[in-house]
């Protein structure tokens, strides 16, 4: 994957990309929103959101059948129209409004705006309009960040032929983080991080993650999250954090959650 200019976002602040999944969106309390406002004073912050539940609800209401293949939504033209309507129209607008109401200078951005996210079809014959990001033209985000804005990004992209496609939000966030040269990627979940016997693991490594999956500490819906984290680290990201969306994620100048690094550390409570 390539980027449009420097791998570093403008300004002296470090850049953090925060991916908020659709399943946690409706549960975000004011304390979470406020913590993003505080974090934006110390970091360049980019939000990338999902919206699966909203898409599913509208598809069901319209009587449109939708299936998943290997974790990816099969996206016909009809399904894409609904996904675009819900992601760009409702989810992005609602989330951006919440941040603005909390004092954050948030602005909604769609991945195909200014050809921010360029993609190729993942497997058009099987998945339809589902894309894999191959280039991040980060100029738009860099300009917004340097002007003090927090971009709230809808993970839709465009192909070189001008076809708009759906992109997995985790993978879209990872691509944006890499494209901006972000120092860290935060994956927001419904728990405050990776827990072992009820205690938060504050730091672990890729090897530690594999061990935690093998011993059953990490299970269920947390597995794809840590898989995304490991994949992102493999692409050169310095660190990925699993953080909670049911409370503040930024306290006393520190991001609260489980830090995952490539190597050289241990599971630390």
Protein backbone atom coordinates (compact mmCIF):
# COMPACT_ATOMS: atom_id res chain seq x y z
CA UNK A 1 0.00 0.00 0.00
CA UNK A 2 1.28 3.47 -0.84
CA UNK A 3 0.63 6.95 0.49
CA UNK A 4 0.35 10.31 -1.23
CA UNK A 5 3.07 12.29 0.52
CA UNK A 6 5.10 12.19 3.74
CA UNK A 7 4.33 9.31 6.07
CA UNK A 8 4.18 11.80 8.94
CA UNK A 9 1.11 13.93 9.65
CA UNK A 10 1.79 17.64 9.93
CA UNK A 11 2.53 19.30 13.25
CA UNK A 12 4.46 18.16 16.32
CA UNK A 13 1.68 16.06 17.86
CA UNK A 14 1.67 12.28 17.55
CA UNK A 15 -1.16 10.82 15.48
CA UNK A 16 -3.64 8.30 16.88
CA UNK A 17 -6.28 6.49 14.82
CA UNK A 18 -9.32 5.30 16.81
CA UNK A 19 -11.53 2.62 15.28
CA UNK A 20 -15.04 2.50 16.76
CA UNK A 21 -17.06 -0.56 15.75
CA UNK A 22 -20.75 -0.44 14.97
CA UNK A 23 -21.56 -2.89 17.77
CA UNK A 24 -20.25 -0.51 20.46
CA UNK A 25 -21.47 2.73 18.85
CA UNK A 26 -24.83 2.90 20.61
CA UNK A 27 -23.16 2.20 23.98
CA UNK A 28 -20.63 5.06 23.92
CA UNK A 29 -21.22 7.17 27.05
CA UNK A 30 -20.53 10.88 27.38
CA UNK A 31 -17.34 10.03 29.32
CA UNK A 32 -15.92 8.30 26.22
CA UNK A 33 -16.79 11.22 23.95
CA UNK A 34 -15.33 13.68 26.47
CA UNK A 35 -12.12 11.66 26.73
CA UNK A 36 -11.65 11.94 22.96
CA UNK A 37 -12.02 15.71 23.36
CA UNK A 38 -9.27 15.71 25.99
CA UNK A 39 -7.04 13.39 23.96
CA UNK A 40 -7.39 15.66 20.91
CA UNK A 41 -5.64 18.40 22.91
CA UNK A 42 -2.51 16.23 23.10
CA UNK A 43 -2.72 14.18 19.88
CA UNK A 44 -3.84 14.40 16.28
CA UNK A 45 -6.90 12.11 16.40
CA UNK A 46 -8.66 10.38 13.50
CA UNK A 47 -11.85 8.40 14.12
CA UNK A 48 -12.85 5.52 11.82
CA UNK A 49 -16.27 3.98 12.44
CA UNK A 50 -18.21 0.88 11.51
CA UNK A 51 -21.97 0.51 11.34
CA UNK A 52 -22.92 -3.14 10.90
CA UNK A 53 -25.99 -3.12 13.18
CA UNK A 54 -27.45 -0.06 11.45
CA UNK A 55 -26.89 -1.63 8.03
CA UNK A 56 -28.41 -4.93 9.16
CA UNK A 57 -31.44 -3.17 10.60
CA UNK A 58 -32.18 -1.23 7.42
CA UNK A 59 -31.60 -4.27 5.18
CA UNK A 60 -34.06 -6.25 7.29
CA UNK A 61 -36.59 -3.42 7.19
CA UNK A 62 -36.33 -3.30 3.39
CA UNK A 63 -36.44 -7.08 3.05
CA UNK A 64 -32.99 -7.26 1.43
CA UNK A 65 -31.06 -10.45 2.10
CA UNK A 66 -27.44 -10.06 3.18
CA UNK A 67 -24.84 -12.77 3.74
CA UNK A 68 -21.29 -12.90 5.09
CA UNK A 69 -18.43 -14.85 3.54
CA UNK A 70 -15.29 -15.28 5.67
CA UNK A 71 -16.29 -12.31 7.78
CA UNK A 72 -16.92 -10.01 4.81
CA UNK A 73 -20.39 -8.77 3.87
CA UNK A 74 -21.35 -9.80 0.33
CA UNK A 75 -22.17 -6.43 -1.17
CA UNK A 76 -24.47 -6.28 -4.18
CA UNK A 77 -25.37 -2.91 -5.71
CA UNK A 78 -28.56 -2.95 -3.65
CA UNK A 79 -26.72 -3.74 -0.42
CA UNK A 80 -24.10 -1.08 -1.15
CA UNK A 81 -26.74 1.62 -1.54
CA UNK A 82 -28.08 0.78 1.93
CA UNK A 83 -24.58 0.59 3.45
CA UNK A 84 -23.68 3.97 1.95
CA UNK A 85 -26.91 5.53 3.18
CA UNK A 86 -26.48 4.25 6.74
CA UNK A 87 -22.71 4.70 7.10
CA UNK A 88 -22.26 8.06 5.40
CA UNK A 89 -25.68 9.50 6.09
CA UNK A 90 -26.71 8.34 9.55
CA UNK A 91 -23.81 6.81 11.50
CA UNK A 92 -21.18 9.35 10.48
CA UNK A 93 -23.55 12.26 10.98
CA UNK A 94 -24.70 11.11 14.42
CA UNK A 95 -21.17 10.39 15.67
CA UNK A 96 -19.75 13.65 14.31
CA UNK A 97 -22.60 15.55 15.96
CA UNK A 98 -21.85 13.94 19.34
CA UNK A 99 -18.20 14.95 19.13
CA UNK A 100 -19.08 18.50 18.07
CA UNK A 101 -21.56 18.78 20.95
CA UNK A 102 -18.73 17.80 23.32
CA UNK A 103 -16.50 20.57 22.00
CA UNK A 104 -14.47 18.51 19.53
CA UNK A 105 -13.86 20.15 16.14
CA UNK A 106 -15.03 17.02 14.32
CA UNK A 107 -15.77 16.87 10.61
CA UNK A 108 -17.31 13.95 8.75
CA UNK A 109 -15.30 12.50 5.86
CA UNK A 110 -16.13 9.61 3.54
CA UNK A 111 -13.31 7.41 2.31
CA UNK A 112 -14.08 8.17 -1.32
CA UNK A 113 -14.07 11.95 -0.72
CA UNK A 114 -11.09 13.47 -2.53
CA UNK A 115 -10.18 9.84 -3.39
CA UNK A 116 -8.86 9.44 0.15
CA UNK A 117 -9.06 5.64 0.04
CA UNK A 118 -8.23 3.98 -3.26
CA UNK A 119 -9.12 0.30 -3.42
CA UNK A 120 -9.14 -2.80 -5.57
CA UNK A 121 -11.93 -5.36 -5.57
CA UNK A 122 -11.20 -8.04 -2.99
CA UNK A 123 -13.03 -10.75 -4.95
CA UNK A 124 -15.71 -9.16 -7.12
CA UNK A 125 -17.12 -12.46 -8.34
CA UNK A 126 -17.75 -13.72 -4.80
CA UNK A 127 -18.08 -10.62 -2.61
CA UNK A 128 -19.31 -7.99 -5.05
CA UNK A 129 -18.53 -4.38 -4.14
CA UNK A 130 -16.04 -5.09 -1.36
CA UNK A 131 -12.62 -3.51 -1.63
CA UNK A 132 -9.13 -3.74 -0.23
CA UNK A 133 -7.38 -0.39 0.32
CA UNK A 134 -4.24 -0.18 -1.82
CA UNK A 135 -3.45 3.53 -1.46
CA UNK A 136 -4.22 6.22 1.10
CA UNK A 137 -4.08 9.74 -0.33
CA UNK A 138 -3.67 11.29 3.08
CA UNK A 139 -3.50 14.96 2.03
CA UNK A 140 -7.08 15.69 3.07
CA UNK A 141 -6.65 14.16 6.53
CA UNK A 142 -3.28 15.83 7.04
CA UNK A 143 -4.75 19.23 6.15
CA UNK A 144 -7.67 18.73 8.55
CA UNK A 145 -5.38 17.57 11.37
CA UNK A 146 -2.98 20.47 10.92
CA UNK A 147 -5.98 22.83 11.14
CA UNK A 148 -7.07 21.35 14.46
CA UNK A 149 -9.93 19.17 13.23
CA UNK A 150 -10.76 15.57 14.17
CA UNK A 151 -11.76 13.70 10.98
CA UNK A 152 -14.53 11.12 11.44
CA UNK A 153 -14.08 8.69 8.54
CA UNK A 154 -16.65 6.43 6.90
CA UNK A 155 -14.84 3.32 5.55
CA UNK A 156 -16.01 3.43 1.94
CA UNK A 157 -13.47 3.62 -0.88
CA UNK A 158 -13.26 4.03 -4.64
CA UNK A 159 -11.52 1.98 -7.33
CA UNK A 160 -9.36 3.38 -10.11
CA UNK A 161 -12.39 2.96 -12.39
CA UNK A 162 -14.54 5.11 -10.11
CA UNK A 163 -16.60 2.32 -8.52
CA UNK A 164 -17.47 2.95 -4.87
CA UNK A 165 -16.84 -0.08 -2.64
CA UNK A 166 -17.38 -1.17 0.95
CA UNK A 167 -14.28 -1.71 3.12
CA UNK A 168 -13.98 -3.66 6.36
CA UNK A 169 -13.72 -0.96 9.05
CA UNK A 170 -10.86 -2.66 10.94
CA UNK A 171 -8.82 -2.96 7.75
CA UNK A 172 -9.75 0.56 6.68
CA UNK A 173 -8.58 1.96 10.02
CA UNK A 174 -5.34 0.00 9.77
CA UNK A 175 -4.71 1.36 6.26
CA UNK A 176 -5.40 4.94 7.36
CA UNK A 177 -3.09 4.56 10.36
CA UNK A 178 -0.31 3.27 8.12
CA UNK A 179 -0.97 5.96 5.52
CA UNK A 180 -0.69 8.74 8.09
CA UNK A 181 2.35 7.22 9.77
CA UNK A 182 0.33 7.12 12.99
CA UNK A 183 2.14 6.16 16.18
CA UNK A 184 -0.72 3.97 17.37
CA UNK A 185 -4.06 2.47 16.42
CA UNK A 186 -6.79 2.07 19.05
CA UNK A 187 -9.45 -0.62 18.59
CA UNK A 188 -12.49 0.19 20.71
CA UNK A 189 -14.36 -2.76 22.26
CA UNK A 190 -17.02 -3.34 24.91
CA UNK A 191 -14.37 -4.22 27.53
CA UNK A 192 -11.50 -2.00 28.80
CA UNK A 193 -8.84 -4.16 27.15
CA UNK A 194 -7.64 -7.75 27.36
CA UNK A 195 -8.54 -9.19 30.76
CA UNK A 196 -6.95 -12.16 32.53
CA UNK A 197 -8.78 -13.39 35.63
CA UNK A 198 -10.58 -10.05 35.71
CA UNK A 199 -7.40 -7.96 35.67
CA UNK A 200 -6.41 -5.70 32.77
CA UNK A 201 -3.28 -6.77 30.89
CA UNK A 202 -1.61 -3.42 30.26
CA UNK A 203 1.00 -4.60 27.79
CA UNK A 204 1.73 -7.72 25.76
CA UNK A 205 3.48 -8.81 22.57
CA UNK A 206 2.41 -10.63 19.42
CA UNK A 207 3.82 -13.83 20.94
CA UNK A 208 1.91 -13.10 24.13
CA UNK A 209 -1.31 -12.69 22.14
CA UNK A 210 -0.87 -16.13 20.58
CA UNK A 211 -0.39 -17.63 24.05
CA UNK A 212 -3.48 -15.86 25.41
CA UNK A 213 -5.57 -17.21 22.54
CA UNK A 214 -4.23 -20.73 23.08
CA UNK A 215 -4.99 -20.73 26.82
CA UNK A 216 -8.50 -19.34 26.29
CA UNK A 217 -7.92 -15.94 27.90
CA UNK A 218 -8.77 -14.35 24.55
CA UNK A 219 -11.91 -15.85 23.00
CA UNK A 220 -15.04 -15.06 21.01
CA UNK A 221 -15.36 -11.57 19.55
CA UNK A 222 -12.00 -10.47 20.93
CA UNK A 223 -10.15 -12.85 18.59
CA UNK A 224 -10.76 -10.88 15.36
CA UNK A 225 -9.78 -7.69 17.19
CA UNK A 226 -6.38 -9.05 18.23
CA UNK A 227 -5.92 -10.59 14.78
CA UNK A 228 -6.40 -7.12 13.29
CA UNK A 229 -3.93 -5.74 15.84
CA UNK A 230 -1.29 -8.35 14.99
CA UNK A 231 -1.80 -7.75 11.26
CA UNK A 232 -1.39 -4.00 11.74
CA UNK A 233 1.83 -4.46 13.71
CA UNK A 234 3.11 -6.63 10.88
CA UNK A 235 2.70 -3.68 8.51
CA UNK A 236 5.05 -1.50 10.56
CA UNK A 237 2.81 0.14 13.19
CA UNK A 238 4.66 0.81 16.45
CA UNK A 239 1.81 -0.25 18.73
CA UNK A 240 -1.87 -1.15 18.73
CA UNK A 241 -4.13 -0.84 21.76
CA UNK A 242 -7.36 -2.62 22.67
CA UNK A 243 -9.41 -0.07 24.60
CA UNK A 244 -12.88 0.14 26.13
CA UNK A 245 -15.81 2.11 24.78
CA UNK A 246 -17.96 2.11 27.90
CA UNK A 247 -16.00 4.75 29.79
CA UNK A 248 -13.09 7.16 29.50
CA UNK A 249 -10.16 5.90 27.45
CA UNK A 250 -7.83 8.79 28.35
CA UNK A 251 -6.98 9.47 31.97
CA UNK A 252 -4.21 11.67 33.42
CA UNK A 253 -2.56 12.00 30.03
CA UNK A 254 -2.47 8.26 29.38
CA UNK A 255 -4.50 6.02 27.08
CA UNK A 256 -6.19 3.26 29.09
CA UNK A 257 -6.22 -0.25 27.66
CA UNK A 258 -3.98 -3.12 26.54
CA UNK A 259 -0.91 -2.13 24.53
CA UNK A 260 0.24 -4.71 21.98
CA UNK A 261 3.75 -4.40 20.56
CA UNK A 262 5.70 -6.51 18.08
CA UNK A 263 8.29 -8.00 20.46
CA UNK A 264 10.52 -7.34 23.43
CA UNK A 265 7.86 -7.19 26.15
CA UNK A 266 5.91 -9.48 28.43
CA UNK A 267 2.33 -9.81 29.60
CA UNK A 268 2.15 -7.09 32.24
CA UNK A 269 -0.77 -6.43 34.60
